[in-house]
Protein backbone atom coordinates (compact mmCIF):
# COMPACT_ATOMS: atom_id res chain seq x y z
CA UNK A 1 18.81 -9.07 -3.87
CA UNK A 2 18.39 -10.11 -0.11
CA UNK A 3 21.65 -11.42 1.50
CA UNK A 4 20.38 -10.31 4.88
CA UNK A 5 17.76 -11.15 7.59
CA UNK A 6 17.21 -7.50 8.13
CA UNK A 7 14.20 -6.12 5.77
CA UNK A 8 13.27 -2.65 5.06
CA UNK A 9 10.02 -1.07 4.02
CA UNK A 10 9.35 2.20 2.99
CA UNK A 11 6.26 3.89 2.30
CA UNK A 12 6.76 6.97 0.40
CA UNK A 13 3.36 8.86 0.65
CA UNK A 14 1.95 12.27 -0.19
CA UNK A 15 2.37 13.28 3.35
CA UNK A 16 4.60 11.19 4.94
CA UNK A 17 7.68 9.00 4.41
CA UNK A 18 7.55 5.93 6.87
CA UNK A 19 10.71 3.49 7.02
CA UNK A 20 10.28 0.54 8.88
CA UNK A 21 13.19 -2.09 9.57
CA UNK A 22 12.73 -5.62 10.85
CA UNK A 23 14.42 -8.62 11.25
CA UNK A 24 13.17 -11.93 10.13
CA UNK A 25 13.80 -15.04 12.37
CA UNK A 26 15.79 -17.67 10.47
CA UNK A 27 13.71 -20.90 11.67
CA UNK A 28 10.32 -19.25 12.54
CA UNK A 29 10.04 -16.52 10.26
CA UNK A 30 8.90 -14.18 13.05
CA UNK A 31 8.85 -10.46 12.00
CA UNK A 32 10.68 -8.59 14.82
CA UNK A 33 10.42 -4.55 14.24
CA UNK A 34 13.84 -3.06 15.26
CA UNK A 35 13.75 0.60 13.70
CA UNK A 36 11.00 3.31 12.83
CA UNK A 37 11.55 6.58 11.06
CA UNK A 38 9.07 8.88 9.77
CA UNK A 39 9.29 12.47 7.98
CA UNK A 40 6.82 14.73 6.32
CA UNK A 41 6.63 14.18 2.49
CA UNK A 42 7.36 17.49 0.97
CA UNK A 43 8.02 16.59 -2.67
CA UNK A 44 4.89 14.66 -3.63
CA UNK A 45 1.34 15.62 -4.78
CA UNK A 46 -1.21 12.96 -5.25
CA UNK A 47 1.40 10.33 -5.10
CA UNK A 48 3.41 12.23 -7.88
CA UNK A 49 6.99 13.76 -7.40
CA UNK A 50 6.66 17.09 -8.09
CA UNK A 51 10.06 18.19 -6.46
CA UNK A 52 12.82 15.45 -6.49
CA UNK A 53 15.21 17.22 -4.27
CA UNK A 54 12.58 17.73 -1.58
CA UNK A 55 11.49 14.01 -2.15
CA UNK A 56 15.01 12.62 -1.52
CA UNK A 57 15.30 14.83 1.49
CA UNK A 58 11.98 13.20 3.06
CA UNK A 59 13.38 9.88 2.22
CA UNK A 60 16.95 10.46 3.56
CA UNK A 61 15.44 11.98 6.78
CA UNK A 62 13.10 9.07 7.42
CA UNK A 63 15.87 6.43 6.60
CA UNK A 64 18.18 8.12 9.11
CA UNK A 65 15.96 8.11 11.76
CA UNK A 66 15.07 4.32 11.29
CA UNK A 67 18.70 3.54 11.16
CA UNK A 68 19.40 5.47 14.50
CA UNK A 69 16.63 3.55 16.23
CA UNK A 70 17.68 0.38 14.48
CA UNK A 71 21.53 0.59 15.13
CA UNK A 72 21.91 -0.68 11.23
CA UNK A 73 22.76 0.92 8.10
CA UNK A 74 20.22 0.73 5.32
CA UNK A 75 21.09 -0.07 1.92
CA UNK A 76 17.98 -1.50 0.28
CA UNK A 77 14.24 -1.43 0.58
CA UNK A 78 11.01 -2.71 -0.59
CA UNK A 79 9.26 0.64 -1.44
CA UNK A 80 5.53 1.23 -1.72
CA UNK A 81 4.13 2.89 -4.95
CA UNK A 82 0.84 4.73 -5.05
CA UNK A 83 -0.89 7.73 -6.74
CA UNK A 84 -3.50 8.73 -9.43
CA UNK A 85 -0.90 7.38 -11.93
CA UNK A 86 -1.58 4.04 -10.97
CA UNK A 87 -4.07 2.05 -12.93
CA UNK A 88 -5.32 -1.63 -13.12
CA UNK A 89 -6.42 -3.09 -16.33
CA UNK A 90 -8.08 -6.66 -16.87
CA UNK A 91 -6.33 -8.96 -19.30
CA UNK A 92 -7.17 -12.34 -20.61
CA UNK A 93 -5.10 -15.28 -22.51
CA UNK A 94 -5.74 -18.83 -23.65
CA UNK A 95 -3.08 -21.63 -24.22
CA UNK A 96 -3.18 -25.25 -25.09
CA UNK A 97 -1.96 -27.42 -21.94
CA UNK A 98 1.42 -28.93 -23.19
CA UNK A 99 0.37 -32.53 -22.36
CA UNK A 100 -3.30 -33.17 -21.44
CA UNK A 101 -2.49 -36.72 -20.19
CA UNK A 102 0.37 -35.61 -17.65
CA UNK A 103 -2.01 -32.93 -16.61
CA UNK A 104 -1.52 -28.92 -16.05
CA UNK A 105 1.78 -28.11 -15.15
CA UNK A 106 3.32 -24.78 -13.43
CA UNK A 107 4.95 -24.25 -16.76
CA UNK A 108 1.46 -24.16 -18.50
CA UNK A 109 0.22 -21.79 -15.97
CA UNK A 110 3.26 -19.36 -16.16
CA UNK A 111 2.91 -19.66 -19.98
CA UNK A 112 -0.74 -18.26 -19.90
CA UNK A 113 0.22 -15.52 -17.35
CA UNK A 114 3.16 -14.50 -19.41
CA UNK A 115 0.98 -14.47 -22.62
CA UNK A 116 -1.71 -12.20 -20.82
CA UNK A 117 1.10 -9.74 -19.94
CA UNK A 118 1.91 -9.22 -23.43
CA UNK A 119 -0.76 -7.01 -24.17
CA UNK A 120 0.22 -3.76 -25.71
CA UNK A 121 1.04 -1.41 -22.76
CA UNK A 122 0.27 2.35 -23.49
CA UNK A 123 3.34 4.46 -24.25
CA UNK A 124 4.65 6.26 -20.92
CA UNK A 125 3.48 3.35 -18.74
CA UNK A 126 5.30 0.46 -17.23
CA UNK A 127 3.85 -2.82 -16.09
CA UNK A 128 4.66 -3.23 -12.33
CA UNK A 129 2.49 -6.11 -11.08
CA UNK A 130 0.25 -8.91 -12.74
CA UNK A 131 -2.33 -10.85 -10.64
CA UNK A 132 -4.18 -13.88 -11.25
CA UNK A 133 -8.11 -13.51 -10.70
CA UNK A 134 -8.77 -16.87 -12.04
CA UNK A 135 -7.93 -19.72 -14.21
CA UNK A 136 -10.54 -21.51 -16.22
CA UNK A 137 -9.83 -25.18 -17.35
CA UNK A 138 -12.03 -26.35 -20.32
CA UNK A 139 -14.80 -23.80 -19.45
CA UNK A 140 -14.65 -24.68 -15.64
CA UNK A 141 -14.32 -20.99 -13.96
CA UNK A 142 -13.26 -20.03 -10.46
CA UNK A 143 -10.16 -22.03 -10.50
CA UNK A 144 -7.21 -20.36 -8.47
CA UNK A 145 -4.46 -23.33 -8.84
CA UNK A 146 -4.96 -25.32 -12.04
CA UNK A 147 -1.64 -27.34 -11.46
CA UNK A 148 -2.19 -30.98 -11.58
CA UNK A 149 -5.70 -30.75 -13.06
CA UNK A 150 -6.95 -32.40 -16.16
CA UNK A 151 -7.80 -30.36 -19.17
CA UNK A 152 -6.92 -29.43 -22.76
CA UNK A 153 -7.53 -25.58 -22.68
CA UNK A 154 -6.24 -23.31 -19.99
CA UNK A 155 -7.45 -19.79 -19.81
CA UNK A 156 -6.23 -17.04 -17.19
CA UNK A 157 -8.11 -13.94 -16.40
CA UNK A 158 -5.54 -11.41 -14.79
CA UNK A 159 -5.23 -7.92 -13.34
CA UNK A 160 -2.45 -5.92 -14.84
CA UNK A 161 -1.19 -2.91 -13.03
CA UNK A 162 0.66 -0.48 -14.46
CA UNK A 163 2.40 3.04 -13.40
CA UNK A 164 3.38 6.02 -15.29
CA UNK A 165 7.03 5.30 -16.45
CA UNK A 166 8.45 8.75 -15.27
CA UNK A 167 6.89 8.45 -11.98
CA UNK A 168 8.32 5.24 -11.30
CA UNK A 169 11.74 6.49 -12.42
CA UNK A 170 11.61 9.59 -10.39
CA UNK A 171 10.79 7.52 -7.17
CA UNK A 172 13.71 5.07 -8.10
CA UNK A 173 15.89 7.85 -8.66
CA UNK A 174 14.86 9.46 -5.34
CA UNK A 175 15.66 6.37 -3.45
CA UNK A 176 19.04 5.95 -4.98
CA UNK A 177 20.26 9.30 -4.23
CA UNK A 178 19.10 8.59 -0.70
CA UNK A 179 21.62 6.01 -0.90
CA UNK A 180 19.55 2.80 -1.08
CA UNK A 181 18.76 0.13 -3.85
CA UNK A 182 15.19 -0.85 -4.49
CA UNK A 183 14.72 -4.62 -3.79
CA UNK A 184 11.16 -4.33 -5.14
CA UNK A 185 8.48 -1.60 -5.81
CA UNK A 186 4.95 -2.76 -4.53
CA UNK A 187 1.64 -0.92 -5.05
CA UNK A 188 1.00 0.53 -1.58
CA UNK A 189 -2.79 -0.61 -0.91
CA UNK A 190 -1.51 -4.39 -1.74
CA UNK A 191 1.12 -3.99 0.77
CA UNK A 192 -1.31 -2.54 3.25
CA UNK A 193 -3.87 -5.36 2.68
CA UNK A 194 -0.89 -7.86 3.43
CA UNK A 195 -0.44 -6.14 7.09
CA UNK A 196 -4.03 -5.81 7.89
CA UNK A 197 -5.80 -8.98 6.36
CA UNK A 198 -6.30 -12.46 7.53
CA UNK A 199 -6.23 -15.28 4.84
CA UNK A 200 -9.61 -16.43 5.64
CA UNK A 201 -10.77 -12.77 4.70
CA UNK A 202 -9.29 -12.92 1.34
CA UNK A 203 -10.55 -16.17 0.65
CA UNK A 204 -14.02 -15.37 1.68
CA UNK A 205 -14.25 -11.90 0.07
CA UNK A 206 -13.11 -8.47 1.56
CA UNK A 207 -12.26 -5.01 0.39
CA UNK A 208 -9.54 -2.74 1.85
CA UNK A 209 -9.68 0.84 1.52
CA UNK A 210 -6.50 2.84 2.33
CA UNK A 211 -7.26 6.39 2.74
CA UNK A 212 -3.71 8.09 2.40
CA UNK A 213 -2.57 11.74 2.39
CA UNK A 214 -3.26 12.46 -1.21
CA UNK A 215 -5.21 9.28 -2.76
CA UNK A 216 -7.62 6.70 -1.38
CA UNK A 217 -6.94 3.04 -2.69
CA UNK A 218 -9.34 0.22 -3.06
CA UNK A 219 -8.36 -3.42 -3.22
CA UNK A 220 -11.16 -6.19 -3.46
CA UNK A 221 -9.93 -9.75 -2.61
CA UNK A 222 -11.88 -12.74 -3.81
CA UNK A 223 -10.97 -16.54 -3.47
CA UNK A 224 -7.79 -15.58 -2.14
CA UNK A 225 -6.58 -13.18 -4.97
CA UNK A 226 -6.92 -9.70 -5.84
CA UNK A 227 -10.13 -9.07 -8.15
CA UNK A 228 -10.41 -5.13 -8.39
CA UNK A 229 -8.04 -2.22 -7.62
CA UNK A 230 -8.92 1.34 -8.00
CA UNK A 231 -7.00 4.62 -6.97
CA UNK A 232 -8.84 7.92 -6.37
CA UNK A 233 -7.48 11.38 -6.31
CA UNK A 234 -8.51 12.44 -3.11
CA UNK A 235 -7.27 11.83 0.43
CA UNK A 236 -6.52 13.20 3.93
CA UNK A 237 -4.60 16.14 2.87
CA UNK A 238 -7.95 17.45 1.34
CA UNK A 239 -9.38 17.67 4.75
CA UNK A 240 -6.30 19.99 5.85
CA UNK A 241 -7.19 22.36 2.72
CA UNK A 242 -10.69 22.30 3.69
CA UNK A 243 -9.91 23.23 7.38
CA UNK A 244 -7.38 25.84 6.49
CA UNK A 245 -9.58 27.62 4.22
CA UNK A 246 -12.74 27.16 6.41
CA UNK A 247 -11.54 28.29 9.63
CA UNK A 248 -8.46 30.56 8.28
CA UNK A 249 -5.40 28.88 9.78
CA UNK A 250 -2.34 27.53 8.06
CA UNK A 251 -2.30 23.86 6.32
CA UNK A 252 0.11 22.73 9.00
CA UNK A 253 -2.18 23.86 11.81
CA UNK A 254 -5.23 22.24 9.88
CA UNK A 255 -3.15 18.79 9.69
CA UNK A 256 -2.49 19.12 13.63
CA UNK A 257 -6.20 19.72 14.23
CA UNK A 258 -7.38 16.77 12.30
CA UNK A 259 -5.05 14.35 13.75
CA UNK A 260 -5.38 15.65 17.56
CA UNK A 261 -9.10 16.60 17.50
CA UNK A 262 -10.43 15.46 14.18
CA UNK A 263 -13.86 13.42 14.51
CA UNK A 264 -17.34 12.85 12.72
CA UNK A 265 -19.17 10.94 15.33
CA UNK A 266 -22.72 12.32 15.96
CA UNK A 267 -21.38 12.98 19.55
CA UNK A 268 -18.33 14.89 18.30
CA UNK A 269 -20.63 16.57 15.81
CA UNK A 270 -23.05 17.81 18.72
CA UNK A 271 -20.32 18.85 20.84
CA UNK A 272 -20.90 22.10 22.60
CA UNK A 273 -16.83 22.32 23.71
CA UNK A 274 -14.70 25.04 22.69
CA UNK A 275 -11.06 25.22 21.65
CA UNK A 276 -8.43 28.09 21.16
CA UNK A 277 -6.37 28.24 18.32
CA UNK A 278 -4.35 31.06 16.34
CA UNK A 279 -5.56 32.43 13.32
CA UNK A 280 -3.09 32.54 10.39
CA UNK A 281 -1.18 35.63 11.12
CA UNK A 282 -2.29 36.23 14.33
CA UNK A 283 -0.79 36.12 17.75
CA UNK A 284 -4.20 36.28 19.70
CA UNK A 285 -5.79 32.94 20.43
CA UNK A 286 -9.34 32.68 19.31
CA UNK A 287 -12.12 30.27 20.86
CA UNK A 288 -14.06 28.13 18.24
CA UNK A 289 -16.50 25.50 18.55
CA UNK A 290 -14.93 21.78 18.43
CA UNK A 291 -17.74 20.78 16.19
CA UNK A 292 -16.87 23.05 13.44
CA UNK A 293 -14.01 20.78 12.57
CA UNK A 294 -15.94 17.82 12.34
CA UNK A 295 -18.47 19.76 10.29
CA UNK A 296 -15.82 20.61 7.66
CA UNK A 297 -14.47 17.05 7.73
CA UNK A 298 -17.51 15.02 7.51
CA UNK A 299 -18.66 16.14 4.08
CA UNK A 300 -15.41 15.37 2.38
CA UNK A 301 -14.83 12.17 4.12
CA UNK A 302 -18.64 11.24 3.08
CA UNK A 303 -17.77 12.08 -0.63
CA UNK A 304 -14.73 9.79 -0.56
CA UNK A 305 -16.70 6.82 1.09
CA UNK A 306 -19.58 7.25 -1.29
CA UNK A 307 -17.27 7.55 -4.15
CA UNK A 308 -15.79 4.07 -3.27
CA UNK A 309 -19.38 2.85 -2.66
CA UNK A 310 -20.42 3.77 -6.14
CA UNK A 311 -17.63 1.67 -7.96
CA UNK A 312 -18.21 -1.17 -5.58
CA UNK A 313 -22.10 -1.30 -6.50
CA UNK A 314 -21.54 -0.62 -10.06
CA UNK A 315 -19.06 -3.50 -10.44
CA UNK A 316 -21.31 -5.71 -8.33
CA UNK A 317 -18.41 -6.58 -5.87
CA UNK A 318 -20.34 -5.06 -2.86
CA UNK A 319 -22.25 -8.31 -2.65
CA UNK A 320 -19.07 -10.43 -2.95
CA UNK A 321 -17.22 -9.27 0.08
CA UNK A 322 -19.00 -11.31 3.03
CA UNK A 323 -16.12 -10.20 5.07
CA UNK A 324 -16.88 -6.47 4.59
CA UNK A 325 -14.76 -3.69 4.53
CA UNK A 326 -11.53 -2.79 6.18
CA UNK A 327 -10.22 0.75 6.37
CA UNK A 328 -6.72 1.34 7.05
CA UNK A 329 -4.29 4.38 6.45
CA UNK A 330 -3.79 7.44 8.90
CA UNK A 331 -7.32 8.89 8.10
CA UNK A 332 -8.73 5.71 9.23
CA UNK A 333 -8.00 6.79 12.72
CA UNK A 334 -10.46 9.71 12.95
CA UNK A 335 -13.21 9.19 15.44
CA UNK A 336 -16.62 7.88 14.29
CA UNK A 337 -15.20 7.03 10.80
CA UNK A 338 -16.12 3.17 11.07
CA UNK A 339 -19.67 4.31 11.91
CA UNK A 340 -19.88 6.58 8.95
CA UNK A 341 -18.47 3.73 6.67
CA UNK A 342 -21.10 1.08 7.85
CA UNK A 343 -23.88 3.59 7.12
CA UNK A 344 -22.47 4.40 3.64
CA UNK A 345 -21.70 0.80 2.61
CA UNK A 346 -24.23 -0.91 4.42
CA UNK A 347 -21.69 -3.85 5.39
CA UNK A 348 -19.47 -4.54 8.10
CA UNK A 349 -16.51 -2.43 8.76
CA UNK A 350 -13.38 -2.61 10.91
CA UNK A 351 -10.10 -0.72 11.22
CA UNK A 352 -7.01 -2.44 9.93
CA UNK A 353 -4.22 -2.41 12.18
CA UNK A 354 -0.81 -4.24 11.37
CA UNK A 355 -0.49 -7.77 12.95
CA UNK A 356 1.65 -10.82 13.59
CA UNK A 357 4.80 -8.50 14.26
CA UNK A 358 7.18 -8.55 17.33
CA UNK A 359 9.72 -5.99 18.45
CA UNK A 360 8.83 -2.18 18.53
CA UNK A 361 5.07 -3.64 17.76
CA UNK A 362 3.16 -1.02 19.52
CA UNK A 363 4.71 1.80 17.96
CA UNK A 364 3.88 0.64 14.45
CA UNK A 365 0.48 -1.04 15.26
CA UNK A 366 -1.09 1.99 13.69
CA UNK A 367 -3.00 2.15 10.32
CA UNK A 368 -0.58 4.63 9.30
CA UNK A 369 2.44 2.02 9.26
CA UNK A 370 0.39 -0.47 7.38
CA UNK A 371 2.07 -0.27 3.97
CA UNK A 372 5.64 -0.27 5.44
CA UNK A 373 4.81 -3.29 7.46
CA UNK A 374 3.27 -4.99 4.57
CA UNK A 375 6.27 -4.38 2.55
CA UNK A 376 8.41 -6.05 5.20
CA UNK A 377 5.82 -8.99 5.21
CA UNK A 378 6.24 -9.48 1.55
CA UNK A 379 10.00 -9.44 1.71
CA UNK A 380 9.95 -11.92 4.38
CA UNK A 381 8.05 -14.45 2.34
CA UNK A 382 10.84 -13.96 -0.29
CA UNK A 383 13.28 -14.29 2.20
CA UNK A 384 12.22 -17.41 3.65
CA UNK A 385 11.55 -18.90 0.11
CA UNK A 386 15.04 -18.30 -0.73
CA UNK A 387 16.91 -19.14 2.48
CA UNK A 388 14.43 -21.69 4.38
CA UNK A 389 17.23 -22.57 6.64
CA UNK A 390 18.88 -19.01 6.80
CA UNK A 391 21.74 -17.57 4.85
CA UNK A 392 24.62 -20.07 4.69
CA UNK A 393 27.88 -18.98 6.35
CA UNK A 394 30.02 -17.16 3.85
CA UNK A 395 27.36 -16.48 1.25
CA UNK A 396 26.92 -12.90 1.19
CA UNK A 397 30.71 -12.73 0.16
CA UNK A 398 30.14 -15.19 -2.62
CA UNK A 399 27.31 -13.22 -4.06
CA UNK A 400 28.99 -9.55 -4.04
CA UNK A 401 29.95 -9.86 -7.51
CA UNK A 402 26.53 -10.70 -8.94
CA UNK A 403 24.62 -8.15 -6.57
CA UNK A 404 27.01 -5.19 -7.42
CA UNK A 405 26.38 -6.15 -11.27
CA UNK A 406 22.43 -6.15 -10.53
CA UNK A 407 22.75 -2.59 -8.88
CA UNK A 408 24.81 -1.15 -11.77
CA UNK A 409 22.19 -2.37 -14.25
CA UNK A 410 19.37 -0.81 -12.18
CA UNK A 411 21.04 2.51 -11.75
CA UNK A 412 21.68 2.58 -15.44
CA UNK A 413 17.95 2.13 -16.24
CA UNK A 414 16.87 4.75 -13.58
CA UNK A 415 19.10 7.55 -13.77
């Protein structure tokens, strides 16, 4: 429960944990970044916790760095959830409008969505988000906000997003042991989209491809809402494995080469430049062609992009995204990726950088921070809705008892 104008977003990824601390302006809602922390993620694989202790250590390290920069103590955060265990399933429900003469009310719309959420969730999975794709009023499709409209029959098409219960609980447990409460858990690509998209793009139709360390996430927006979500179990760490095997170096060296020298542009692939590296277990440096890095990365990246392209075309969504495709995530910084993506998808492509932020904005204006910044933005909407005039004097003290009770309940669930 938010009782401060300081918000924290933590992206718990496969290769890194990024913590961003921000303050939200009491009157103008401006987001000002005041702290950043980043640590290698050592306990996850493809978004799944495989070593709880190491995951706790990574979250704690990132948190402490952010606390040091911001000069504040972090006791709660919005967290990003991703991984191959995340799934999106369509759901549908129909209700009769309570009072047709008065028109459709917010309660009618909420009742329809609640009914859609009552579908049987498979054992071992938990519903973590439900997104309206459209409402249908008496057969009229494509309605995003039916409140106030006349009608007898209200139907909703929704997207239910679930995650593996054990993985969600492991993330909550890791955050708890790192000394924080979870304000809310948000699907990482949805948070990233909030950081890099404009409202116009969401309304017109756009796809976001977030290429993370262990997974690649796809989110499609139409008419302002999410119409499709998919997670693929392949990401940037596969480039590291390919480079390590192909060149004969360690995974850490491979990641460094990818970040510092990786590229897939034609100019890069035709380069005659040489670079010196130390092979695994060797002390002498060896000169290798720079283009070898690109030649190893290129087929893997093309495979990922074609995997997403196949889904967009099979679902017919490729023709419904006039705003094109936005690439984000750390891997989107590879030289030449925009040109390759344009060739694969045949639509306009741009790189998504976090926008509309102040403070330490230059440091976080990088696709790798898109999820953390998006979490802050989503949290700021809740903050402004709850406290449109700022937090009343003395309010936190009055709220302590209820907040402590909430913490106790949450911890009992996830321990």
